[in-house]
């Protein structure tokens, strides 16, 4: 299961080996200064949409990059963990990170938010 950690001045989304393959992408790190908001989601799967580059099984798995007209989303969402967090970013490779987590409240509280 992917983990979100703060390392120095970066927010790091660390993927498992299997998730690296599913996402066709390595770990994601962004400057903490890019974090604009953090939202706890009761259903992380519903926050993922768009054209997918990675692995997706509707309602079960969404891992990789998802592109819409207005955003690039990097997601690591597994059905077994229905809750999760959405991290909105500015000036980073992705506009949002969506990650499922067994304790989304704890993950959200661990991420410092920079005011816009």
N, C-alpha and C. Protein backbone atom coordinates (compact mmCIF):
# COMPACT_ATOMS: atom_id res chain seq x y z
N UNK A 1 0.84 -1.17 0.00
CA UNK A 1 0.00 0.00 0.00
C UNK A 1 0.89 1.25 0.00
N UNK A 2 0.56 2.20 -0.85
CA UNK A 2 1.33 3.44 -0.94
C UNK A 2 1.26 4.20 0.39
N UNK A 3 2.32 4.92 0.68
CA UNK A 3 2.35 5.74 1.88
C UNK A 3 2.70 7.17 1.51
N UNK A 4 2.15 8.09 2.27
CA UNK A 4 2.42 9.52 2.09
C UNK A 4 3.23 9.97 3.29
N UNK A 5 4.41 10.53 3.02
CA UNK A 5 5.28 10.97 4.11
C UNK A 5 5.86 12.34 3.79
N UNK A 6 6.16 13.08 4.83
CA UNK A 6 6.86 14.36 4.69
C UNK A 6 8.33 14.09 4.98
N UNK A 7 9.17 14.43 4.01
CA UNK A 7 10.61 14.28 4.16
C UNK A 7 11.26 15.63 3.88
N UNK A 8 11.68 16.29 4.95
CA UNK A 8 12.28 17.62 4.78
C UNK A 8 11.27 18.59 4.22
N UNK A 9 11.58 19.17 3.07
CA UNK A 9 10.68 20.15 2.45
C UNK A 9 9.88 19.53 1.30
N UNK A 10 9.72 18.19 1.31
CA UNK A 10 8.99 17.50 0.25
C UNK A 10 7.89 16.61 0.81
N UNK A 11 6.83 16.48 0.03
CA UNK A 11 5.80 15.49 0.29
C UNK A 11 6.09 14.33 -0.66
N UNK A 12 6.23 13.14 -0.11
CA UNK A 12 6.61 11.98 -0.92
C UNK A 12 5.50 10.95 -0.88
N UNK A 13 5.08 10.52 -2.06
CA UNK A 13 4.14 9.41 -2.20
C UNK A 13 4.98 8.21 -2.59
N UNK A 14 5.18 7.32 -1.62
CA UNK A 14 6.05 6.16 -1.82
C UNK A 14 5.19 4.96 -2.21
N UNK A 15 5.49 4.38 -3.37
CA UNK A 15 4.74 3.25 -3.90
C UNK A 15 5.43 1.93 -3.57
N UNK A 16 4.64 0.86 -3.48
CA UNK A 16 5.20 -0.47 -3.35
C UNK A 16 5.75 -0.89 -4.72
N UNK A 17 6.50 -1.97 -4.75
CA UNK A 17 7.03 -2.48 -6.03
C UNK A 17 5.90 -2.79 -7.01
N UNK A 18 4.84 -3.42 -6.52
CA UNK A 18 3.70 -3.75 -7.39
C UNK A 18 3.04 -2.47 -7.92
N UNK A 19 2.92 -1.46 -7.06
CA UNK A 19 2.30 -0.20 -7.50
C UNK A 19 3.17 0.52 -8.53
N UNK A 20 4.48 0.39 -8.44
CA UNK A 20 5.36 0.95 -9.47
C UNK A 20 5.00 0.37 -10.82
N UNK A 21 4.79 -0.94 -10.87
CA UNK A 21 4.41 -1.59 -12.12
C UNK A 21 3.01 -1.17 -12.56
N UNK A 22 2.07 -1.14 -11.63
CA UNK A 22 0.69 -0.76 -11.97
C UNK A 22 0.63 0.67 -12.49
N UNK A 23 1.40 1.56 -11.89
CA UNK A 23 1.34 2.98 -12.23
C UNK A 23 2.19 3.33 -13.45
N UNK A 24 3.12 2.44 -13.79
CA UNK A 24 4.09 2.76 -14.84
C UNK A 24 4.81 4.06 -14.48
N UNK A 25 5.12 4.19 -13.18
CA UNK A 25 5.69 5.43 -12.65
C UNK A 25 6.42 5.11 -11.35
N UNK A 26 7.38 5.90 -11.01
CA UNK A 26 8.08 5.75 -9.74
C UNK A 26 7.38 6.52 -8.63
N UNK A 27 8.05 6.61 -7.49
CA UNK A 27 7.53 7.41 -6.39
C UNK A 27 7.33 8.85 -6.86
N UNK A 28 6.42 9.54 -6.21
CA UNK A 28 6.14 10.94 -6.56
C UNK A 28 6.56 11.82 -5.39
N UNK A 29 7.35 12.84 -5.69
CA UNK A 29 7.65 13.80 -4.64
C UNK A 29 7.40 15.21 -5.16
N UNK A 30 6.84 16.03 -4.28
CA UNK A 30 6.52 17.41 -4.63
C UNK A 30 6.98 18.31 -3.49
N UNK A 31 7.34 19.54 -3.80
CA UNK A 31 7.70 20.47 -2.73
C UNK A 31 6.49 20.73 -1.82
N UNK A 32 6.72 20.82 -0.52
CA UNK A 32 5.62 21.15 0.39
C UNK A 32 4.99 22.49 0.05
N UNK A 33 5.77 23.38 -0.54
CA UNK A 33 5.24 24.69 -0.92
C UNK A 33 4.17 24.57 -1.99
N UNK A 34 4.08 23.44 -2.69
CA UNK A 34 3.07 23.23 -3.73
C UNK A 34 1.73 22.76 -3.18
N UNK A 35 1.70 22.30 -1.92
CA UNK A 35 0.47 21.77 -1.34
C UNK A 35 -0.49 22.91 -1.03
N UNK A 36 -1.67 22.87 -1.64
CA UNK A 36 -2.67 23.92 -1.45
C UNK A 36 -3.81 23.51 -0.53
N UNK A 37 -4.19 22.23 -0.58
CA UNK A 37 -5.24 21.76 0.32
C UNK A 37 -5.17 20.25 0.43
N UNK A 38 -5.73 19.76 1.53
CA UNK A 38 -5.81 18.31 1.77
C UNK A 38 -7.25 18.02 2.19
N UNK A 39 -7.84 17.04 1.53
CA UNK A 39 -9.24 16.71 1.79
C UNK A 39 -9.34 15.22 2.11
N UNK A 40 -10.07 14.88 3.16
CA UNK A 40 -10.34 13.48 3.49
C UNK A 40 -11.53 13.04 2.64
N UNK A 41 -11.37 11.90 2.00
CA UNK A 41 -12.41 11.36 1.12
C UNK A 41 -13.00 10.09 1.74
N UNK A 42 -14.31 9.98 1.76
CA UNK A 42 -14.93 8.75 2.24
C UNK A 42 -14.91 7.66 1.17
N UNK A 43 -14.84 8.07 -0.10
CA UNK A 43 -14.75 7.13 -1.21
C UNK A 43 -13.71 7.66 -2.20
N UNK A 44 -12.47 7.26 -2.02
CA UNK A 44 -11.38 7.77 -2.86
C UNK A 44 -11.56 7.40 -4.32
N UNK A 45 -12.15 6.25 -4.60
CA UNK A 45 -12.33 5.81 -5.98
C UNK A 45 -13.16 6.80 -6.79
N UNK A 46 -14.14 7.44 -6.15
CA UNK A 46 -15.00 8.38 -6.88
C UNK A 46 -14.27 9.66 -7.27
N UNK A 47 -13.10 9.91 -6.70
CA UNK A 47 -12.33 11.12 -7.02
C UNK A 47 -11.40 10.93 -8.21
N UNK A 48 -11.35 9.71 -8.73
CA UNK A 48 -10.43 9.41 -9.83
C UNK A 48 -11.21 9.24 -11.13
N UNK A 49 -10.84 10.03 -12.12
CA UNK A 49 -11.50 9.96 -13.43
C UNK A 49 -10.56 10.51 -14.49
N UNK A 50 -10.92 10.32 -15.72
CA UNK A 50 -10.11 10.84 -16.81
C UNK A 50 -9.47 9.74 -17.62
N UNK A 51 -8.64 10.14 -18.56
CA UNK A 51 -7.92 9.20 -19.39
C UNK A 51 -6.76 8.64 -18.58
N UNK A 52 -6.64 7.33 -18.55
CA UNK A 52 -5.71 6.64 -17.66
C UNK A 52 -4.44 6.21 -18.38
N UNK A 53 -3.31 6.40 -17.68
CA UNK A 53 -2.04 5.80 -18.06
C UNK A 53 -1.56 5.06 -16.83
N UNK A 54 -1.81 3.77 -16.80
CA UNK A 54 -1.52 2.97 -15.63
C UNK A 54 -2.50 1.82 -15.58
N UNK A 55 -2.91 1.44 -14.38
CA UNK A 55 -3.81 0.31 -14.20
C UNK A 55 -5.15 0.78 -13.66
N UNK A 56 -6.22 0.27 -14.27
CA UNK A 56 -7.55 0.61 -13.78
C UNK A 56 -8.51 -0.55 -13.98
N UNK A 57 -9.21 -0.88 -12.93
CA UNK A 57 -10.32 -1.82 -12.99
C UNK A 57 -11.47 -1.08 -12.31
N UNK A 58 -12.49 -0.69 -13.08
CA UNK A 58 -13.56 0.14 -12.53
C UNK A 58 -14.08 -0.35 -11.18
N UNK A 59 -14.07 0.56 -10.20
CA UNK A 59 -14.57 0.26 -8.87
C UNK A 59 -13.64 -0.55 -8.00
N UNK A 60 -12.47 -0.96 -8.54
CA UNK A 60 -11.57 -1.82 -7.77
C UNK A 60 -10.17 -1.24 -7.62
N UNK A 61 -9.57 -0.78 -8.72
CA UNK A 61 -8.19 -0.30 -8.69
C UNK A 61 -8.05 0.87 -9.63
N UNK A 62 -7.36 1.92 -9.17
CA UNK A 62 -7.01 3.06 -10.02
C UNK A 62 -5.61 3.49 -9.60
N UNK A 63 -4.62 3.10 -10.40
CA UNK A 63 -3.24 3.40 -10.06
C UNK A 63 -2.55 3.97 -11.29
N UNK A 64 -2.06 5.19 -11.19
CA UNK A 64 -1.36 5.81 -12.30
C UNK A 64 -1.76 7.25 -12.50
N UNK A 65 -1.54 7.73 -13.72
CA UNK A 65 -1.85 9.11 -14.08
C UNK A 65 -3.18 9.16 -14.80
N UNK A 66 -4.03 10.07 -14.37
CA UNK A 66 -5.35 10.27 -14.98
C UNK A 66 -5.43 11.72 -15.42
N UNK A 67 -5.79 11.94 -16.67
CA UNK A 67 -5.80 13.27 -17.23
C UNK A 67 -7.22 13.67 -17.63
N UNK A 68 -7.64 14.85 -17.20
CA UNK A 68 -8.92 15.42 -17.61
C UNK A 68 -8.62 16.72 -18.35
N UNK A 69 -9.65 17.41 -18.80
CA UNK A 69 -9.45 18.70 -19.48
C UNK A 69 -8.78 19.72 -18.56
N UNK A 70 -9.03 19.60 -17.26
CA UNK A 70 -8.55 20.63 -16.35
C UNK A 70 -7.49 20.18 -15.35
N UNK A 71 -7.16 18.87 -15.31
CA UNK A 71 -6.23 18.43 -14.25
C UNK A 71 -5.49 17.16 -14.64
N UNK A 72 -4.29 17.04 -14.04
CA UNK A 72 -3.52 15.78 -14.07
C UNK A 72 -3.55 15.24 -12.65
N UNK A 73 -4.08 14.05 -12.52
CA UNK A 73 -4.24 13.42 -11.21
C UNK A 73 -3.34 12.19 -11.15
N UNK A 74 -2.58 12.06 -10.07
CA UNK A 74 -1.86 10.81 -9.84
C UNK A 74 -2.58 10.10 -8.72
N UNK A 75 -3.01 8.86 -8.99
CA UNK A 75 -3.83 8.14 -8.02
C UNK A 75 -3.23 6.78 -7.68
N UNK A 76 -3.38 6.42 -6.43
CA UNK A 76 -3.09 5.07 -5.96
C UNK A 76 -4.27 4.71 -5.05
N UNK A 77 -5.28 4.11 -5.67
CA UNK A 77 -6.51 3.81 -4.95
C UNK A 77 -6.85 2.34 -5.12
N UNK A 78 -7.07 1.69 -4.00
CA UNK A 78 -7.47 0.28 -3.99
C UNK A 78 -8.81 0.18 -3.29
N UNK A 79 -9.71 -0.61 -3.85
CA UNK A 79 -11.07 -0.76 -3.34
C UNK A 79 -11.09 -1.17 -1.87
N UNK A 80 -10.13 -1.98 -1.47
CA UNK A 80 -10.14 -2.46 -0.09
C UNK A 80 -9.98 -1.32 0.92
N UNK A 81 -9.45 -0.22 0.48
CA UNK A 81 -9.31 0.96 1.34
C UNK A 81 -10.20 2.05 0.75
N UNK A 82 -11.43 2.06 1.10
CA UNK A 82 -12.38 2.97 0.47
C UNK A 82 -12.09 4.44 0.76
N UNK A 83 -11.66 4.75 1.95
CA UNK A 83 -11.36 6.14 2.28
C UNK A 83 -9.98 6.52 1.77
N UNK A 84 -9.73 7.81 1.74
CA UNK A 84 -8.43 8.27 1.28
C UNK A 84 -8.29 9.77 1.43
N UNK A 85 -7.29 10.30 0.76
CA UNK A 85 -7.06 11.75 0.78
C UNK A 85 -6.85 12.26 -0.63
N UNK A 86 -7.24 13.50 -0.83
CA UNK A 86 -6.96 14.23 -2.06
C UNK A 86 -6.08 15.41 -1.66
N UNK A 87 -4.90 15.49 -2.29
CA UNK A 87 -3.99 16.60 -2.04
C UNK A 87 -3.98 17.45 -3.29
N UNK A 88 -4.45 18.69 -3.17
CA UNK A 88 -4.44 19.61 -4.32
C UNK A 88 -3.11 20.35 -4.32
N UNK A 89 -2.52 20.44 -5.53
CA UNK A 89 -1.19 21.02 -5.69
C UNK A 89 -1.21 22.17 -6.66
N UNK A 90 -0.19 23.00 -6.58
CA UNK A 90 -0.01 24.11 -7.51
C UNK A 90 1.47 24.15 -7.90
N UNK A 91 1.72 24.26 -9.21
CA UNK A 91 3.10 24.37 -9.67
C UNK A 91 3.89 23.08 -9.57
N UNK A 92 3.22 21.94 -9.58
CA UNK A 92 3.88 20.64 -9.51
C UNK A 92 3.55 19.84 -10.77
N UNK A 93 4.17 18.68 -10.90
CA UNK A 93 3.93 17.81 -12.05
C UNK A 93 2.45 17.41 -12.15
N UNK A 94 1.80 17.23 -11.00
CA UNK A 94 0.39 16.85 -10.95
C UNK A 94 -0.41 17.93 -10.25
N UNK A 95 -1.69 18.02 -10.60
CA UNK A 95 -2.59 18.97 -9.95
C UNK A 95 -3.19 18.38 -8.68
N UNK A 96 -3.29 17.05 -8.64
CA UNK A 96 -3.86 16.37 -7.48
C UNK A 96 -3.17 15.03 -7.27
N UNK A 97 -3.07 14.64 -6.01
CA UNK A 97 -2.71 13.28 -5.64
C UNK A 97 -3.92 12.71 -4.93
N UNK A 98 -4.36 11.52 -5.32
CA UNK A 98 -5.47 10.85 -4.65
C UNK A 98 -4.96 9.49 -4.21
N UNK A 99 -5.02 9.25 -2.89
CA UNK A 99 -4.43 8.04 -2.33
C UNK A 99 -5.39 7.42 -1.32
N UNK A 100 -5.63 6.11 -1.47
CA UNK A 100 -6.44 5.44 -0.46
C UNK A 100 -5.58 5.17 0.77
N UNK A 101 -6.23 5.13 1.92
CA UNK A 101 -5.49 4.94 3.18
C UNK A 101 -6.42 4.34 4.22
N UNK A 102 -5.90 3.44 5.06
CA UNK A 102 -6.74 2.87 6.11
C UNK A 102 -7.15 3.90 7.15
N UNK A 103 -6.33 4.94 7.35
CA UNK A 103 -6.65 6.02 8.30
C UNK A 103 -6.44 7.36 7.61
N UNK A 104 -7.39 7.75 6.75
CA UNK A 104 -7.21 8.99 5.98
C UNK A 104 -7.10 10.24 6.85
N UNK A 105 -7.74 10.25 8.00
CA UNK A 105 -7.65 11.42 8.88
C UNK A 105 -6.21 11.63 9.36
N UNK A 106 -5.55 10.55 9.73
CA UNK A 106 -4.16 10.66 10.19
C UNK A 106 -3.24 11.12 9.06
N UNK A 107 -3.47 10.60 7.85
CA UNK A 107 -2.66 11.02 6.70
C UNK A 107 -2.87 12.50 6.44
N UNK A 108 -4.12 12.94 6.42
CA UNK A 108 -4.43 14.35 6.16
C UNK A 108 -3.78 15.27 7.20
N UNK A 109 -3.83 14.86 8.46
CA UNK A 109 -3.24 15.69 9.52
C UNK A 109 -1.73 15.76 9.44
N UNK A 110 -1.10 14.79 8.78
CA UNK A 110 0.36 14.77 8.71
C UNK A 110 0.91 15.66 7.59
N UNK A 111 0.02 16.20 6.75
CA UNK A 111 0.45 16.99 5.59
C UNK A 111 0.25 18.48 5.87
N UNK A 112 1.32 19.24 5.93
CA UNK A 112 1.16 20.70 6.13
C UNK A 112 0.65 21.35 4.84
N UNK A 113 -0.25 22.31 5.01
CA UNK A 113 -0.82 23.02 3.87
C UNK A 113 -0.25 24.43 3.81
N UNK A 114 0.19 24.81 2.61
CA UNK A 114 0.70 26.16 2.39
C UNK A 114 -0.44 27.01 1.88
N UNK A 115 -0.60 28.19 2.44
CA UNK A 115 -1.68 29.05 1.95
C UNK A 115 -1.33 29.57 0.56
N UNK A 116 -2.35 29.69 -0.30
CA UNK A 116 -2.14 30.14 -1.68
C UNK A 116 -1.59 31.54 -1.80
